[in-house]
Protein backbone atom coordinates (compact mmCIF):
# COMPACT_ATOMS: atom_id res chain seq x y z
CA MET A 1 195.02 18.43 -238.13
CA HIS A 2 195.97 16.69 -241.38
CA ILE A 3 199.52 15.78 -242.41
CA LEU A 4 200.72 14.41 -245.74
CA ILE A 5 203.82 12.18 -245.65
CA VAL A 6 205.65 11.81 -248.97
CA GLU A 7 207.97 8.85 -248.44
CA ASP A 8 208.74 5.81 -250.60
CA GLU A 9 210.14 3.58 -247.83
CA PRO A 10 207.11 1.77 -246.31
CA SER A 11 208.85 1.15 -242.98
CA ILE A 12 209.71 4.83 -242.51
CA ALA A 13 206.29 6.02 -243.68
CA GLY A 14 204.61 3.54 -241.32
CA PHE A 15 206.78 4.61 -238.38
CA LEU A 16 205.99 8.28 -238.96
CA ARG A 17 202.30 7.60 -239.43
CA LYS A 18 202.05 5.59 -236.22
CA GLY A 19 203.82 8.27 -234.18
CA LEU A 20 201.88 11.18 -235.65
CA GLU A 21 198.51 9.46 -235.26
CA ALA A 22 199.40 8.69 -231.64
CA ASN A 23 199.78 12.46 -231.21
CA GLY A 24 196.33 13.17 -232.62
CA PHE A 25 197.14 13.93 -236.27
CA HIS A 26 195.30 12.54 -239.30
CA VAL A 27 197.89 11.17 -241.73
CA GLN A 28 197.91 10.26 -245.41
CA ILE A 29 200.86 8.83 -247.34
CA ALA A 30 202.11 9.37 -250.88
CA SER A 31 204.81 7.00 -252.14
CA ASP A 32 206.32 9.22 -254.84
CA GLY A 33 206.80 12.87 -255.67
CA LEU A 34 204.12 13.16 -258.35
CA MET A 35 201.54 11.51 -256.12
CA GLY A 36 202.54 13.84 -253.29
CA GLN A 37 202.20 16.88 -255.54
CA ARG A 38 198.75 15.80 -256.75
CA MET A 39 197.50 15.08 -253.23
CA ALA A 40 198.82 18.42 -251.93
CA LEU A 41 197.02 20.24 -254.74
CA ASP A 42 193.77 18.37 -254.09
CA TYR A 43 193.62 18.73 -250.30
CA PRO A 44 194.53 21.61 -247.93
CA TYR A 45 196.87 19.77 -245.55
CA ASP A 46 198.15 21.49 -242.42
CA LEU A 47 201.69 20.14 -242.96
CA ILE A 48 203.66 18.12 -245.51
CA ILE A 49 206.62 15.93 -244.52
CA ALA A 50 208.65 14.98 -247.60
CA ASP A 51 211.74 12.92 -248.39
CA VAL A 52 214.18 14.16 -251.05
CA ASN A 53 215.02 10.94 -252.90
CA LEU A 54 211.60 9.98 -254.25
CA PRO A 55 210.50 7.99 -257.33
CA ARG A 56 209.06 9.78 -260.39
CA GLN A 57 209.81 13.26 -258.99
CA ASN A 58 212.27 14.15 -256.25
CA GLY A 59 211.21 16.06 -253.17
CA GLN A 60 212.95 19.29 -254.15
CA ASP A 61 211.15 19.42 -257.49
CA MET A 62 207.85 18.59 -255.77
CA VAL A 63 208.28 21.43 -253.28
CA ALA A 64 209.23 23.88 -256.04
CA ALA A 65 206.16 22.86 -258.07
CA LEU A 66 203.84 23.34 -255.09
CA ARG A 67 205.25 26.78 -254.33
CA LYS A 68 204.84 27.71 -258.00
CA GLU A 69 201.15 26.76 -257.64
CA GLU A 70 201.02 29.09 -254.59
CA ILE A 71 200.46 26.25 -252.12
CA GLU A 72 201.52 27.78 -248.80
CA THR A 73 201.24 24.63 -246.66
CA PRO A 74 204.28 24.29 -244.35
CA ILE A 75 206.74 21.69 -245.67
CA LEU A 76 209.28 19.80 -243.57
CA MET A 77 211.91 17.95 -245.58
CA LEU A 78 213.17 14.78 -243.90
CA SER A 79 216.12 13.20 -245.70
CA ALA A 80 219.29 11.17 -245.29
CA LEU A 81 221.02 13.81 -247.43
CA GLY A 82 222.68 15.99 -244.82
CA ALA A 83 225.32 17.93 -246.74
CA THR A 84 225.14 21.70 -246.44
CA HIS A 85 224.22 22.17 -250.11
CA ASP A 86 221.36 19.63 -249.79
CA ILE A 87 219.87 21.50 -246.84
CA VAL A 88 220.34 24.90 -248.48
CA THR A 89 218.75 23.68 -251.72
CA GLY A 90 215.77 22.23 -249.87
CA LEU A 91 215.13 25.48 -248.04
CA ASP A 92 215.73 27.61 -251.14
CA VAL A 93 213.13 25.74 -253.22
CA GLY A 94 210.50 26.44 -250.57
CA ALA A 95 210.74 24.02 -247.65
CA ASP A 96 210.13 25.60 -244.25
CA ASP A 97 212.41 23.25 -242.33
CA TYR A 98 214.89 20.43 -243.00
CA LEU A 99 215.81 17.50 -240.77
CA VAL A 100 218.45 14.87 -241.46
CA LYS A 101 217.65 11.18 -240.96
CA PRO A 102 217.89 9.49 -238.57
CA VAL A 103 216.14 11.93 -236.26
CA GLN A 104 214.77 11.46 -232.78
CA PHE A 105 210.98 11.39 -232.94
CA ASP A 106 210.69 13.91 -230.08
CA ILE A 107 212.70 16.41 -232.12
CA LEU A 108 210.56 15.74 -235.19
CA MET A 109 207.39 16.32 -233.15
CA ALA A 110 208.77 19.59 -231.79
CA ARG A 111 209.39 20.80 -235.35
CA VAL A 112 205.92 19.63 -236.42
CA ARG A 113 204.30 21.55 -233.56
CA ALA A 114 206.32 24.67 -234.34
CA LEU A 115 205.43 24.63 -238.04
CA THR A 116 201.73 23.98 -237.53
CA ARG A 117 201.55 26.58 -234.75
CA ARG A 118 203.19 29.18 -236.99
CA HIS A 119 200.89 28.28 -239.89
CA ILE A 120 197.75 28.65 -237.76
CA GLY A 121 199.05 31.95 -236.43
CA ASN A 122 199.59 33.25 -239.96
CA LEU A 123 196.09 32.20 -241.00
CA HIS A 124 194.50 34.00 -238.08
CA SER A 125 196.65 37.14 -238.35
CA GLU A 126 194.53 38.33 -241.27
CA SER A 127 191.61 40.63 -240.50
CA THR A 128 189.78 40.20 -243.82
CA LEU A 129 189.49 37.77 -246.72
CA THR A 130 188.64 39.16 -250.15
CA VAL A 131 187.59 37.49 -253.40
CA SER A 132 186.47 39.92 -256.10
CA ASP A 133 183.96 42.23 -254.34
CA LEU A 134 183.19 39.70 -251.58
CA VAL A 135 184.78 40.65 -248.26
CA LEU A 136 184.76 38.57 -245.08
CA ASN A 137 185.70 40.46 -241.91
CA LEU A 138 187.28 37.90 -239.59
CA ASP A 139 187.30 40.17 -236.55
CA GLU A 140 183.65 41.17 -236.79
CA ARG A 141 182.56 37.88 -238.43
CA THR A 142 180.60 39.75 -241.08
CA ALA A 143 180.34 39.45 -244.86
CA LYS A 144 179.71 42.02 -247.60
CA ARG A 145 179.33 41.79 -251.37
CA GLY A 146 180.09 45.26 -252.66
CA ASP A 147 178.00 47.59 -250.51
CA ARG A 148 175.51 44.87 -249.57
CA SER A 149 175.75 43.20 -246.17
CA ILE A 150 175.16 39.43 -246.12
CA ASN A 151 173.52 37.82 -243.11
CA LEU A 152 175.03 34.40 -242.45
CA THR A 153 174.35 31.67 -239.95
CA ALA A 154 177.34 30.39 -237.96
CA LYS A 155 177.74 27.35 -240.21
CA GLU A 156 177.35 29.39 -243.40
CA TYR A 157 180.07 31.71 -242.14
CA GLN A 158 182.41 28.78 -241.44
CA LEU A 159 181.75 27.32 -244.87
CA LEU A 160 182.34 30.65 -246.62
CA GLU A 161 185.56 31.28 -244.68
CA TYR A 162 186.86 27.84 -245.63
CA LEU A 163 186.03 28.31 -249.32
CA MET A 164 187.60 31.79 -249.35
CA ARG A 165 190.79 30.57 -247.67
CA ASN A 166 191.02 27.98 -250.44
CA GLN A 167 189.89 30.21 -253.31
CA GLY A 168 190.61 28.77 -256.72
CA ARG A 169 190.93 25.21 -255.38
CA VAL A 170 188.28 22.56 -255.98
CA ILE A 171 187.20 21.25 -252.57
CA SER A 172 185.45 17.89 -252.37
CA ARG A 173 182.36 17.23 -250.26
CA VAL A 174 184.41 14.82 -248.16
CA THR A 175 186.96 17.54 -247.39
CA ILE A 176 184.25 20.08 -246.54
CA ALA A 177 182.61 17.58 -244.18
CA GLU A 178 185.92 16.93 -242.42
CA GLN A 179 187.12 20.53 -242.25
CA VAL A 180 183.88 22.47 -241.64
CA TRP A 181 181.65 19.88 -239.96
CA ASP A 182 184.49 17.79 -238.42
CA MET A 183 182.70 14.61 -239.47
CA GLN A 184 182.79 11.91 -242.13
CA TYR A 185 180.67 12.60 -245.19
CA ALA A 186 177.80 10.19 -245.81
CA MET A 187 177.26 9.80 -249.54
CA SER A 188 173.51 9.59 -248.96
CA SER A 189 173.46 12.97 -247.19
CA ASN A 190 172.73 16.18 -249.09
CA SER A 191 173.39 18.56 -246.18
CA ILE A 192 176.51 20.03 -247.78
CA GLU A 193 174.69 20.62 -251.06
CA VAL A 194 171.91 22.36 -249.13
CA TYR A 195 174.32 24.66 -247.28
CA VAL A 196 176.25 25.48 -250.44
CA GLY A 197 172.98 26.27 -252.21
CA LEU A 198 171.84 28.58 -249.41
CA LEU A 199 175.21 30.31 -249.31
CA ARG A 200 175.27 30.73 -253.07
CA LYS A 201 171.82 32.39 -253.06
CA LYS A 202 172.92 34.90 -250.43
CA ILE A 203 176.20 35.75 -252.14
CA ASP A 204 174.95 35.94 -255.73
CA GLN A 205 171.81 38.02 -255.14
CA GLY A 206 170.85 40.74 -257.58
CA GLY A 207 172.48 39.24 -260.64
CA ALA A 208 176.01 39.51 -259.25
CA PRO A 209 178.61 37.34 -261.04
CA LYS A 210 178.77 33.81 -259.63
CA LEU A 211 181.58 33.14 -257.19
CA ILE A 212 180.77 29.62 -255.95
CA HIS A 213 180.89 27.01 -258.71
CA THR A 214 180.02 23.32 -258.75
CA VAL A 215 182.59 21.06 -260.38
CA ILE A 216 180.59 17.96 -261.32
CA GLY A 217 181.94 14.82 -259.72
CA GLU A 218 184.60 16.71 -257.74
CA GLY A 219 183.12 19.35 -255.43
CA TYR A 220 182.99 23.14 -255.20
CA VAL A 221 185.31 26.03 -255.92
CA LEU A 222 185.07 29.71 -255.01
CA ARG A 223 186.84 31.95 -257.50
CA ALA A 224 186.70 35.47 -258.86
CA PRO A 225 184.76 35.92 -262.12
């Protein structure tokens, strides 16, 4: 699972990263609020841990901006600001939890596990995903475009589910390799391009409007016409 830490104090960010990686998480760090916002928009993290007092854009404004962009990633605010109004404001702008520094790492990990567990549960509580007239049945693991059934291989199904869960977001080849194939992307490999091409042919048969688009130099996006 992938966690984004938005923290401008290198010692704190390093401490969190070391502890989270020791517990099996992949961690990236943003050192200011605008960088954190951009990274959260570019990559579907499983959790964001954010300070409040950040350079360029504070954590509360960053969280509010992400929620305005309909980013539903769980957000844990971790701050030295522990007054009641600070906590209430953090939760009201869209944070899912708020911890006051200093915090015992065991308590932080318990909150991290709870938030990621809840997020995964919410993702899998859906029975279908729909984009335009494309419907993916998660219980039956079947796909339809209008009245037409689409036969997919296991990997094509995984790729389509991932793109549909992130509809409207440009997903890089590196991210697809990590999230769908669980591997690092080799720049010399064209396997992802091949799979996207095969999936696109199956979905867009019969002159149907294109749903999967290539964004040159960035990756792929699935969006309604």
